[in-house]
Structure formats: C-alpha cells, structure tokens
C-alpha cells in the first residue's frame, strides 16, 4: 500500500527556501507541528534547517516557508549583534555562532 499522496513541498538549502512546489509523491505530516519539530531538530543536529518538508495545503507550505526564513533572519540578527558588541581589544578572536560545530552559545 502506498502512503504517499499529492502534497506541497518546501525545499530548504543552505538555510534558504529555494522552492515551494506541488509534488505527487509527498508525505505530509499529520500536522504542521511535526514539520516545525523536524526543522528545529535539523538545526540542532546539523546547524542548518535544510530539508524537504511536505504539507497538505499550499497555504501551510507558504506559512512554513515564511516562518523558516524568519527563524534564520532572527539567528543572523543575533549573530550580527554579537559581532558588533564583541570587544576585539580584549579578545581579538571572534567565532560565528551559526557556523558548524558551534552550538549552544558562548563558552
């Protein structure tokens, strides 16, 4: 038995929404929360939100895409504030907290 059906897929690469399209082989979650949880887990595990996320409606897909980009925008804004506030006289090294392998904030 085939559990896949027509769905609307949000594709995210390099933390950017690159496509929203109707697909014939989609597997939408039972609710939008499942995709949000998956996105958060991808970010925690991989340092990025890349993936393919399926939805049963184009409106849910669009809303998710907007929220995904807003999530990255907020992370980048925090990162910019951290860079601007860094005291390079006291510590000449600054590391981008969004970079791979730098999870969990300052040490």
N, C-alpha and C. Protein backbone atom coordinates (compact mmCIF):
# COMPACT_ATOMS: atom_id res chain seq x y z
N UNK A 1 0.85 -1.18 0.00
CA UNK A 1 0.00 0.00 0.00
C UNK A 1 0.89 1.24 0.00
N UNK A 2 0.54 2.23 -0.77
CA UNK A 2 1.32 3.45 -0.92
C UNK A 2 0.73 4.54 -0.04
N UNK A 3 1.53 5.06 0.91
CA UNK A 3 1.06 6.09 1.82
C UNK A 3 1.31 7.50 1.30
N UNK A 4 2.03 7.63 0.18
CA UNK A 4 2.32 8.96 -0.32
C UNK A 4 1.12 9.50 -1.09
N UNK A 5 1.07 10.83 -1.17
CA UNK A 5 -0.03 11.48 -1.87
C UNK A 5 0.44 12.83 -2.37
N UNK A 6 -0.43 13.51 -3.08
CA UNK A 6 -0.10 14.84 -3.55
C UNK A 6 0.09 15.77 -2.36
N UNK A 7 1.14 16.56 -2.42
CA UNK A 7 1.47 17.46 -1.32
C UNK A 7 2.17 18.69 -1.87
N UNK A 8 2.42 19.63 -1.00
CA UNK A 8 3.16 20.84 -1.34
C UNK A 8 4.46 20.80 -0.56
N UNK A 9 5.58 20.81 -1.28
CA UNK A 9 6.89 20.62 -0.67
C UNK A 9 7.65 21.94 -0.59
N UNK A 10 8.16 22.21 0.61
CA UNK A 10 9.05 23.35 0.83
C UNK A 10 10.46 22.77 0.86
N UNK A 11 11.31 23.23 -0.05
CA UNK A 11 12.69 22.77 -0.10
C UNK A 11 13.59 23.88 0.42
N UNK A 12 14.43 23.52 1.40
CA UNK A 12 15.34 24.48 2.01
C UNK A 12 16.76 23.97 1.81
N UNK A 13 17.62 24.82 1.24
CA UNK A 13 19.03 24.52 1.03
C UNK A 13 19.85 25.71 1.52
N UNK A 14 20.92 25.43 2.23
CA UNK A 14 21.80 26.46 2.78
C UNK A 14 20.99 27.49 3.57
N UNK A 15 20.03 26.99 4.34
CA UNK A 15 19.16 27.80 5.21
C UNK A 15 18.26 28.77 4.44
N UNK A 16 18.10 28.58 3.15
CA UNK A 16 17.22 29.43 2.35
C UNK A 16 16.12 28.59 1.72
N UNK A 17 14.92 29.12 1.72
CA UNK A 17 13.83 28.47 1.00
C UNK A 17 14.13 28.65 -0.48
N UNK A 18 14.30 27.54 -1.19
CA UNK A 18 14.64 27.62 -2.61
C UNK A 18 13.48 27.23 -3.52
N UNK A 19 12.45 26.59 -2.94
CA UNK A 19 11.33 26.16 -3.80
C UNK A 19 10.14 25.76 -2.95
N UNK A 20 8.97 26.10 -3.45
CA UNK A 20 7.70 25.57 -2.94
C UNK A 20 6.98 25.05 -4.16
N UNK A 21 6.67 23.76 -4.16
CA UNK A 21 6.07 23.17 -5.35
C UNK A 21 5.15 22.01 -4.99
N UNK A 22 4.17 21.80 -5.85
CA UNK A 22 3.29 20.64 -5.72
C UNK A 22 4.05 19.40 -6.16
N UNK A 23 3.97 18.34 -5.37
CA UNK A 23 4.63 17.08 -5.70
C UNK A 23 3.63 15.94 -5.61
N UNK A 24 3.83 14.95 -6.44
CA UNK A 24 2.90 13.81 -6.45
C UNK A 24 3.27 12.75 -5.42
N UNK A 25 4.50 12.78 -4.92
CA UNK A 25 4.97 11.72 -4.03
C UNK A 25 5.21 12.23 -2.61
N UNK A 26 4.48 13.25 -2.19
CA UNK A 26 4.69 13.84 -0.88
C UNK A 26 4.17 12.99 0.26
N UNK A 27 4.72 13.27 1.43
CA UNK A 27 4.26 12.61 2.65
C UNK A 27 4.07 13.67 3.73
N UNK A 28 2.95 14.42 3.63
CA UNK A 28 2.72 15.45 4.64
C UNK A 28 2.54 14.84 6.02
N UNK A 29 3.07 15.56 7.02
CA UNK A 29 2.90 15.10 8.39
C UNK A 29 1.45 15.19 8.82
N UNK A 30 1.18 14.66 9.98
CA UNK A 30 -0.19 14.68 10.48
C UNK A 30 -0.63 16.09 10.84
N UNK A 31 0.35 16.95 11.17
CA UNK A 31 0.04 18.35 11.46
C UNK A 31 1.28 19.19 11.18
N UNK A 32 1.12 20.50 11.20
CA UNK A 32 2.23 21.40 10.90
C UNK A 32 3.30 21.37 11.99
N UNK A 33 2.92 21.00 13.20
CA UNK A 33 3.86 20.93 14.30
C UNK A 33 4.96 19.91 14.02
N UNK A 34 4.63 18.83 13.35
CA UNK A 34 5.64 17.80 13.07
C UNK A 34 6.75 18.36 12.19
N UNK A 35 6.42 19.20 11.20
CA UNK A 35 7.45 19.80 10.37
C UNK A 35 8.26 20.83 11.15
N UNK A 36 7.61 21.59 12.01
CA UNK A 36 8.32 22.55 12.84
C UNK A 36 9.30 21.86 13.77
N UNK A 37 8.89 20.74 14.33
CA UNK A 37 9.76 19.96 15.20
C UNK A 37 10.94 19.41 14.41
N UNK A 38 10.66 18.93 13.21
CA UNK A 38 11.73 18.39 12.36
C UNK A 38 12.73 19.49 11.99
N UNK A 39 12.23 20.68 11.69
CA UNK A 39 13.10 21.81 11.36
C UNK A 39 14.01 22.13 12.54
N UNK A 40 13.44 22.21 13.73
CA UNK A 40 14.23 22.51 14.93
C UNK A 40 15.27 21.43 15.19
N UNK A 41 14.89 20.18 14.99
CA UNK A 41 15.83 19.07 15.19
C UNK A 41 16.96 19.12 14.16
N UNK A 42 16.62 19.45 12.91
CA UNK A 42 17.66 19.59 11.88
C UNK A 42 18.65 20.68 12.27
N UNK A 43 18.13 21.79 12.76
CA UNK A 43 19.02 22.89 13.16
C UNK A 43 19.90 22.49 14.32
N UNK A 44 19.33 21.84 15.30
CA UNK A 44 20.10 21.41 16.48
C UNK A 44 21.16 20.38 16.10
N UNK A 45 20.80 19.44 15.27
CA UNK A 45 21.70 18.34 14.91
C UNK A 45 22.74 18.76 13.87
N UNK A 46 22.31 19.54 12.85
CA UNK A 46 23.17 19.82 11.72
C UNK A 46 23.64 21.28 11.63
N UNK A 47 23.08 22.14 12.45
CA UNK A 47 23.43 23.55 12.37
C UNK A 47 22.77 24.26 11.20
N UNK A 48 21.82 23.61 10.56
CA UNK A 48 21.08 24.22 9.45
C UNK A 48 19.67 23.63 9.42
N UNK A 49 18.81 24.27 8.67
CA UNK A 49 17.42 23.80 8.60
C UNK A 49 17.11 23.15 7.26
N UNK A 50 18.15 22.80 6.52
CA UNK A 50 17.98 22.22 5.20
C UNK A 50 17.13 20.95 5.25
N UNK A 51 16.32 20.78 4.23
CA UNK A 51 15.50 19.60 4.12
C UNK A 51 14.33 19.83 3.18
N UNK A 52 13.52 18.81 3.06
CA UNK A 52 12.28 18.88 2.28
C UNK A 52 11.14 18.61 3.24
N UNK A 53 10.20 19.54 3.28
CA UNK A 53 9.10 19.50 4.23
C UNK A 53 7.80 19.50 3.44
N UNK A 54 6.96 18.50 3.66
CA UNK A 54 5.71 18.36 2.91
C UNK A 54 4.50 18.79 3.72
N UNK A 55 3.55 19.41 3.02
CA UNK A 55 2.32 19.91 3.62
C UNK A 55 1.13 19.53 2.76
N UNK A 56 -0.02 19.46 3.39
CA UNK A 56 -1.22 19.08 2.66
C UNK A 56 -1.87 20.27 1.95
N UNK A 57 -1.47 21.50 2.28
CA UNK A 57 -2.04 22.67 1.60
C UNK A 57 -0.94 23.66 1.24
N UNK A 58 -1.15 24.39 0.16
CA UNK A 58 -0.19 25.40 -0.27
C UNK A 58 -0.08 26.51 0.76
N UNK A 59 -1.16 26.81 1.45
CA UNK A 59 -1.15 27.87 2.46
C UNK A 59 -0.26 27.49 3.65
N UNK A 60 -0.35 26.25 4.08
CA UNK A 60 0.51 25.77 5.17
C UNK A 60 1.96 25.77 4.73
N UNK A 61 2.22 25.38 3.48
CA UNK A 61 3.58 25.37 2.96
C UNK A 61 4.16 26.78 2.94
N UNK A 62 3.37 27.74 2.47
CA UNK A 62 3.83 29.13 2.42
C UNK A 62 4.09 29.67 3.82
N UNK A 63 3.18 29.42 4.74
CA UNK A 63 3.36 29.89 6.12
C UNK A 63 4.63 29.31 6.73
N UNK A 64 4.88 28.03 6.48
CA UNK A 64 6.08 27.38 6.99
C UNK A 64 7.34 27.99 6.38
N UNK A 65 7.31 28.27 5.08
CA UNK A 65 8.45 28.88 4.40
C UNK A 65 8.76 30.25 5.00
N UNK A 66 7.73 31.04 5.26
CA UNK A 66 7.92 32.37 5.87
C UNK A 66 8.51 32.22 7.26
N UNK A 67 7.98 31.32 8.06
CA UNK A 67 8.50 31.10 9.41
C UNK A 67 9.95 30.60 9.39
N UNK A 68 10.27 29.76 8.43
CA UNK A 68 11.63 29.25 8.31
C UNK A 68 12.62 30.37 8.03
N UNK A 69 12.27 31.24 7.08
CA UNK A 69 13.15 32.37 6.76
C UNK A 69 13.24 33.35 7.92
N UNK A 70 12.13 33.54 8.63
CA UNK A 70 12.15 34.43 9.79
C UNK A 70 13.05 33.86 10.88
N UNK A 71 13.03 32.55 11.06
CA UNK A 71 13.90 31.89 12.03
C UNK A 71 15.37 32.19 11.72
N UNK A 72 15.76 32.03 10.46
CA UNK A 72 17.14 32.28 10.05
C UNK A 72 17.47 33.77 10.17
N UNK A 73 16.52 34.62 9.84
CA UNK A 73 16.73 36.06 9.95
C UNK A 73 17.02 36.45 11.40
N UNK A 74 16.27 35.87 12.33
CA UNK A 74 16.49 36.17 13.75
C UNK A 74 17.85 35.65 14.23
N UNK A 75 18.26 34.47 13.78
CA UNK A 75 19.57 33.96 14.14
C UNK A 75 20.68 34.86 13.59
N UNK A 76 20.52 35.30 12.35
CA UNK A 76 21.52 36.18 11.74
C UNK A 76 21.57 37.52 12.47
N UNK A 77 20.42 38.04 12.88
CA UNK A 77 20.38 39.30 13.61
C UNK A 77 21.10 39.18 14.95
N UNK A 78 20.89 38.07 15.64
CA UNK A 78 21.60 37.83 16.91
C UNK A 78 23.10 37.74 16.67
N UNK A 79 23.46 37.09 15.57
CA UNK A 79 24.86 36.93 15.22
C UNK A 79 25.50 38.28 14.92
N UNK A 80 24.80 39.13 14.19
CA UNK A 80 25.29 40.48 13.88
C UNK A 80 25.47 41.30 15.15
N UNK A 81 24.51 41.24 16.05
CA UNK A 81 24.61 41.95 17.32
C UNK A 81 25.81 41.47 18.13
N UNK A 82 26.04 40.17 18.13
CA UNK A 82 27.17 39.60 18.86
C UNK A 82 28.49 40.11 18.27
N UNK A 83 28.60 40.14 16.95
CA UNK A 83 29.81 40.62 16.30
C UNK A 83 30.04 42.10 16.60
N UNK A 84 28.99 42.90 16.51
CA UNK A 84 29.11 44.33 16.76
C UNK A 84 29.48 44.62 18.21
N UNK A 85 29.03 43.80 19.14
CA UNK A 85 29.29 44.02 20.57
C UNK A 85 30.61 43.42 21.04
N UNK A 86 31.22 42.60 20.21
CA UNK A 86 32.45 41.92 20.63
C UNK A 86 33.58 42.92 20.86
N UNK A 87 34.30 42.73 21.96
CA UNK A 87 35.43 43.59 22.31
C UNK A 87 36.71 42.98 21.73
N UNK A 88 37.11 43.46 20.57
CA UNK A 88 38.28 42.92 19.90
C UNK A 88 39.58 43.32 20.59
N UNK A 89 39.57 44.35 21.43
CA UNK A 89 40.76 44.72 22.19
C UNK A 89 41.04 43.67 23.27
N UNK A 90 40.00 43.21 23.93
CA UNK A 90 40.15 42.22 24.99
C UNK A 90 40.35 40.81 24.43
N UNK A 91 39.70 40.52 23.31
CA UNK A 91 39.79 39.20 22.69
C UNK A 91 39.76 39.37 21.18
N UNK A 92 40.90 39.26 20.51
CA UNK A 92 40.95 39.51 19.08
C UNK A 92 40.32 38.42 18.22
N UNK A 93 39.84 37.36 18.85
CA UNK A 93 39.21 36.27 18.11
C UNK A 93 37.70 36.30 18.32
N UNK A 94 36.97 36.22 17.25
CA UNK A 94 35.51 36.11 17.29
C UNK A 94 35.12 34.94 16.42
N UNK A 95 34.18 34.13 16.88
CA UNK A 95 33.69 33.00 16.10
C UNK A 95 32.21 33.15 15.84
N UNK A 96 31.83 32.84 14.63
CA UNK A 96 30.43 32.89 14.23
C UNK A 96 29.68 31.74 14.89
N UNK A 97 28.72 32.08 15.74
CA UNK A 97 27.97 31.06 16.47
C UNK A 97 27.06 30.23 15.57
N UNK A 98 26.82 30.71 14.35
CA UNK A 98 25.99 29.95 13.41
C UNK A 98 26.81 28.93 12.62
N UNK A 99 28.13 29.02 12.71
CA UNK A 99 28.98 28.12 11.96
C UNK A 99 28.87 26.69 12.51
N UNK A 100 29.09 25.74 11.64
CA UNK A 100 29.02 24.32 12.03
C UNK A 100 29.95 24.04 13.20
N UNK A 101 29.46 23.25 14.14
CA UNK A 101 30.25 22.87 15.28
C UNK A 101 30.25 23.87 16.42
N UNK A 102 29.50 24.97 16.28
CA UNK A 102 29.46 26.00 17.32
C UNK A 102 28.02 26.14 17.82
N UNK A 103 27.54 25.13 18.50
CA UNK A 103 26.16 25.15 19.02
C UNK A 103 26.17 25.53 20.50
N UNK A 104 25.10 26.16 20.93
CA UNK A 104 24.90 26.35 22.35
C UNK A 104 25.37 27.66 22.91
N UNK A 105 25.84 28.57 22.09
CA UNK A 105 26.19 29.89 22.62
C UNK A 105 27.62 30.00 23.06
N UNK A 106 27.89 31.04 23.83
CA UNK A 106 29.26 31.35 24.27
C UNK A 106 29.74 30.36 25.31
N UNK A 107 31.06 30.16 25.30
CA UNK A 107 31.64 29.29 26.32
C UNK A 107 32.20 30.08 27.47
